[in-house]
Amino acid sequence: EVRLHPQRMVASCSDPDPVTATALEEFMERLAPGIYRMTADSLLGNCADKEQLAARIEAFRERIPAEIPPNWEAFFKEHLEVPAPLESQNAYFLYRIADSERLRRLFSTDPVLRGIGIKAEGWRLALTPEEHRKLRNRLRQLGYLVETDRPSTPRTESRKKSPRKRPRRRRW
């Protein structure tokens, strides 16, 4: 018989059959013989999205022969309702400035180039489509050929707009 602790995310099972033991080890970490602990990592398993997580929780309910206490239900609900920790930023092109000391100095000192885009580590530059056009025009004025056939909008998996504030510009 599997018993889920009503206050902790721990399960105990005295003398589990092989099917039950396999199911317990699939969803929880084994602490000692017959004692298992549910963690966020063990719950998430190899899930890539909320639908897979919901299916995994449903599989847990079907495969573990025990009544689910309220603290376990709350744990499942919390993980299903938590927002995604990262959001895709659709509005930016990402470039890396070429490995040229002269060009990097130009990006650091030219007042127009310094004001365009968001600077990131590794000499990377995030640009909106409008900033991309400004950058291209300025580099042409300075004698550089920008060889990009980029579409008018950034390539992303999702085209929906995100109502987020623009990040603070960084200086090199």
Protein backbone atom coordinates (compact mmCIF):
# COMPACT_ATOMS: atom_id res chain seq x y z
CA GLU A 1 0.00 0.00 0.00
CA VAL A 2 1.32 3.44 -1.01
CA ARG A 3 0.85 6.25 1.51
CA LEU A 4 1.39 9.89 0.52
CA HIS A 5 2.33 12.04 3.50
CA PRO A 6 -0.32 14.71 4.22
CA GLN A 7 2.26 17.42 5.12
CA ARG A 8 5.42 16.54 3.21
CA MET A 9 6.06 15.49 -0.38
CA VAL A 10 7.07 12.00 0.75
CA ALA A 11 5.58 8.63 -0.11
CA SER A 12 6.08 5.37 1.71
CA CYS A 13 5.34 1.88 0.59
CA SER A 14 6.11 -1.23 2.58
CA ASP A 15 7.01 -4.17 0.36
CA PRO A 16 5.95 -2.67 -3.02
CA ASP A 17 5.32 -4.97 -5.96
CA PRO A 18 7.67 -4.43 -8.97
CA VAL A 19 5.08 -2.43 -10.96
CA THR A 20 4.38 -0.04 -8.07
CA ALA A 21 8.11 0.33 -7.27
CA THR A 22 8.83 1.20 -10.92
CA ALA A 23 6.01 3.75 -10.95
CA LEU A 24 7.22 5.35 -7.72
CA GLU A 25 10.78 5.60 -9.06
CA GLU A 26 9.50 7.10 -12.32
CA PHE A 27 7.84 10.03 -10.50
CA MET A 28 9.94 10.42 -7.35
CA GLU A 29 13.45 10.02 -6.00
CA ARG A 30 14.14 7.07 -3.79
CA LEU A 31 15.44 8.08 -0.35
CA ALA A 32 15.56 4.67 1.27
CA PRO A 33 13.93 1.28 0.66
CA GLY A 34 10.20 1.98 0.51
CA ILE A 35 10.55 5.77 0.98
CA TYR A 36 10.31 8.21 -1.92
CA ARG A 37 10.33 12.00 -2.23
CA MET A 38 8.57 14.14 -4.83
CA THR A 39 10.57 17.19 -5.90
CA ALA A 40 9.92 19.80 -8.56
CA ASP A 41 12.61 18.16 -10.70
CA SER A 42 11.16 14.68 -10.34
CA LEU A 43 7.67 15.99 -11.09
CA LEU A 44 8.77 17.83 -14.24
CA GLY A 45 10.73 14.82 -15.54
CA ASN A 46 11.30 15.32 -19.27
CA CYS A 47 8.26 17.55 -19.79
CA ALA A 48 8.72 20.28 -22.39
CA ASP A 49 5.43 22.14 -21.89
CA LYS A 50 2.34 22.44 -19.68
CA GLU A 51 0.38 19.84 -21.66
CA GLN A 52 3.06 17.22 -21.07
CA LEU A 53 3.21 18.16 -17.39
CA ALA A 54 -0.59 17.80 -17.08
CA ALA A 55 -0.34 14.39 -18.77
CA ARG A 56 2.47 13.37 -16.39
CA ILE A 57 0.40 14.37 -13.35
CA GLU A 58 -2.56 12.42 -14.73
CA ALA A 59 -0.29 9.40 -15.26
CA PHE A 60 0.86 9.74 -11.63
CA ARG A 61 -2.76 9.68 -10.46
CA GLU A 62 -3.46 6.57 -12.53
CA ARG A 63 -0.29 4.63 -11.69
CA ILE A 64 0.15 5.39 -7.99
CA PRO A 65 -2.56 3.59 -6.01
CA ALA A 66 -3.10 6.14 -3.24
CA GLU A 67 -5.45 8.91 -2.25
CA ILE A 68 -3.90 12.29 -3.12
CA PRO A 69 -3.71 14.59 -0.05
CA PRO A 70 -4.44 18.34 -0.37
CA ASN A 71 -0.75 19.31 -0.10
CA TRP A 72 0.05 17.11 -3.11
CA GLU A 73 -2.87 18.59 -5.05
CA ALA A 74 -1.59 22.08 -4.22
CA PHE A 75 1.92 21.07 -5.36
CA PHE A 76 0.57 19.82 -8.70
CA LYS A 77 -1.63 22.90 -9.15
CA GLU A 78 1.26 25.25 -8.34
CA HIS A 79 3.45 23.68 -11.03
CA LEU A 80 0.68 23.75 -13.60
CA GLU A 81 -0.13 27.42 -12.96
CA VAL A 82 3.38 28.86 -12.62
CA PRO A 83 4.18 31.24 -15.51
CA ALA A 84 6.98 30.41 -17.92
CA PRO A 85 10.28 31.75 -16.52
CA LEU A 86 11.47 33.05 -19.89
CA GLU A 87 9.61 34.87 -22.61
CA SER A 88 10.75 34.99 -26.20
CA GLN A 89 11.49 38.51 -27.36
CA ASN A 90 10.14 38.63 -30.88
CA ALA A 91 11.00 42.23 -31.60
CA TYR A 92 14.79 41.97 -31.87
CA PHE A 93 17.43 40.90 -34.36
CA LEU A 94 20.58 39.64 -32.66
CA TYR A 95 23.97 40.34 -34.21
CA ARG A 96 27.56 39.82 -33.17
CA ILE A 97 29.98 42.60 -34.09
CA ALA A 98 32.81 41.26 -36.25
CA ASP A 99 36.19 40.49 -34.71
CA SER A 100 37.79 43.75 -35.83
CA GLU A 101 39.40 46.11 -33.35
CA ARG A 102 38.71 49.07 -35.64
CA LEU A 103 35.01 48.21 -36.01
CA ARG A 104 34.57 47.58 -32.28
CA ARG A 105 36.24 50.90 -31.46
CA LEU A 106 33.88 52.56 -33.92
CA PHE A 107 30.84 51.04 -32.15
CA SER A 108 32.24 52.26 -28.82
CA THR A 109 33.00 55.83 -29.91
CA ASP A 110 30.60 56.82 -32.72
CA PRO A 111 27.69 58.73 -31.13
CA VAL A 112 25.13 57.39 -33.63
CA LEU A 113 26.24 53.74 -33.35
CA ARG A 114 26.44 53.94 -29.55
CA GLY A 115 22.81 55.02 -29.37
CA ILE A 116 21.46 52.23 -31.57
CA GLY A 117 20.26 48.93 -30.12
CA ILE A 118 20.87 47.11 -26.89
CA LYS A 119 24.44 46.06 -26.16
CA ALA A 120 25.01 42.60 -24.73
CA GLU A 121 28.02 40.55 -23.65
CA GLY A 122 30.31 39.11 -26.27
CA TRP A 123 30.00 42.14 -28.55
CA ARG A 124 26.40 41.31 -29.38
CA LEU A 125 23.80 43.81 -30.43
CA ALA A 126 20.00 43.43 -30.25
CA LEU A 127 18.12 45.61 -32.74
CA THR A 128 14.51 46.35 -33.58
CA PRO A 129 13.74 46.47 -37.33
CA GLU A 130 13.85 50.28 -37.27
CA GLU A 131 17.20 50.29 -35.46
CA HIS A 132 18.45 47.72 -37.96
CA ARG A 133 17.76 50.16 -40.82
CA LYS A 134 19.46 53.02 -38.93
CA LEU A 135 22.50 50.87 -38.20
CA ARG A 136 22.76 49.72 -41.79
CA ASN A 137 22.53 53.30 -43.09
CA ARG A 138 25.12 54.57 -40.60
CA LEU A 139 27.56 51.78 -41.41
CA ARG A 140 27.14 52.53 -45.12
CA GLN A 141 27.94 56.19 -44.41
CA LEU A 142 31.11 55.03 -42.67
CA GLY A 143 32.09 52.84 -45.62
CA TYR A 144 30.95 49.40 -44.44
CA LEU A 145 28.85 47.09 -46.58
CA VAL A 146 26.17 45.36 -44.51
CA GLU A 147 25.42 42.07 -46.22
CA THR A 148 22.12 41.07 -44.68
CA ASP A 149 18.96 40.19 -46.48
CA ARG A 150 16.84 40.26 -43.39
CA PRO A 151 13.04 40.40 -43.59
CA SER A 152 11.26 43.48 -42.29
CA THR A 153 10.41 41.62 -39.08
CA PRO A 154 12.64 39.37 -36.99
CA ARG A 155 12.47 35.63 -37.55
CA THR A 156 10.96 33.94 -34.54
CA GLU A 157 8.85 30.96 -33.68
CA SER A 158 5.98 33.17 -32.57
CA ARG A 159 4.95 36.50 -34.09
CA LYS A 160 2.79 37.76 -31.20
CA LYS A 161 3.83 41.07 -29.64
CA SER A 162 4.94 41.19 -26.03
CA PRO A 163 3.89 44.26 -24.03
CA ARG A 164 7.21 44.44 -22.18
CA LYS A 165 9.29 47.46 -21.37
CA ARG A 166 12.37 47.99 -23.44
CA PRO A 167 15.50 46.89 -21.52
CA ARG A 168 18.06 49.44 -20.41
CA ARG A 169 20.79 50.14 -22.99
CA ARG A 170 24.24 48.91 -22.04
CA ARG A 171 27.52 50.59 -22.82
CA TRP A 172 30.65 48.71 -23.68
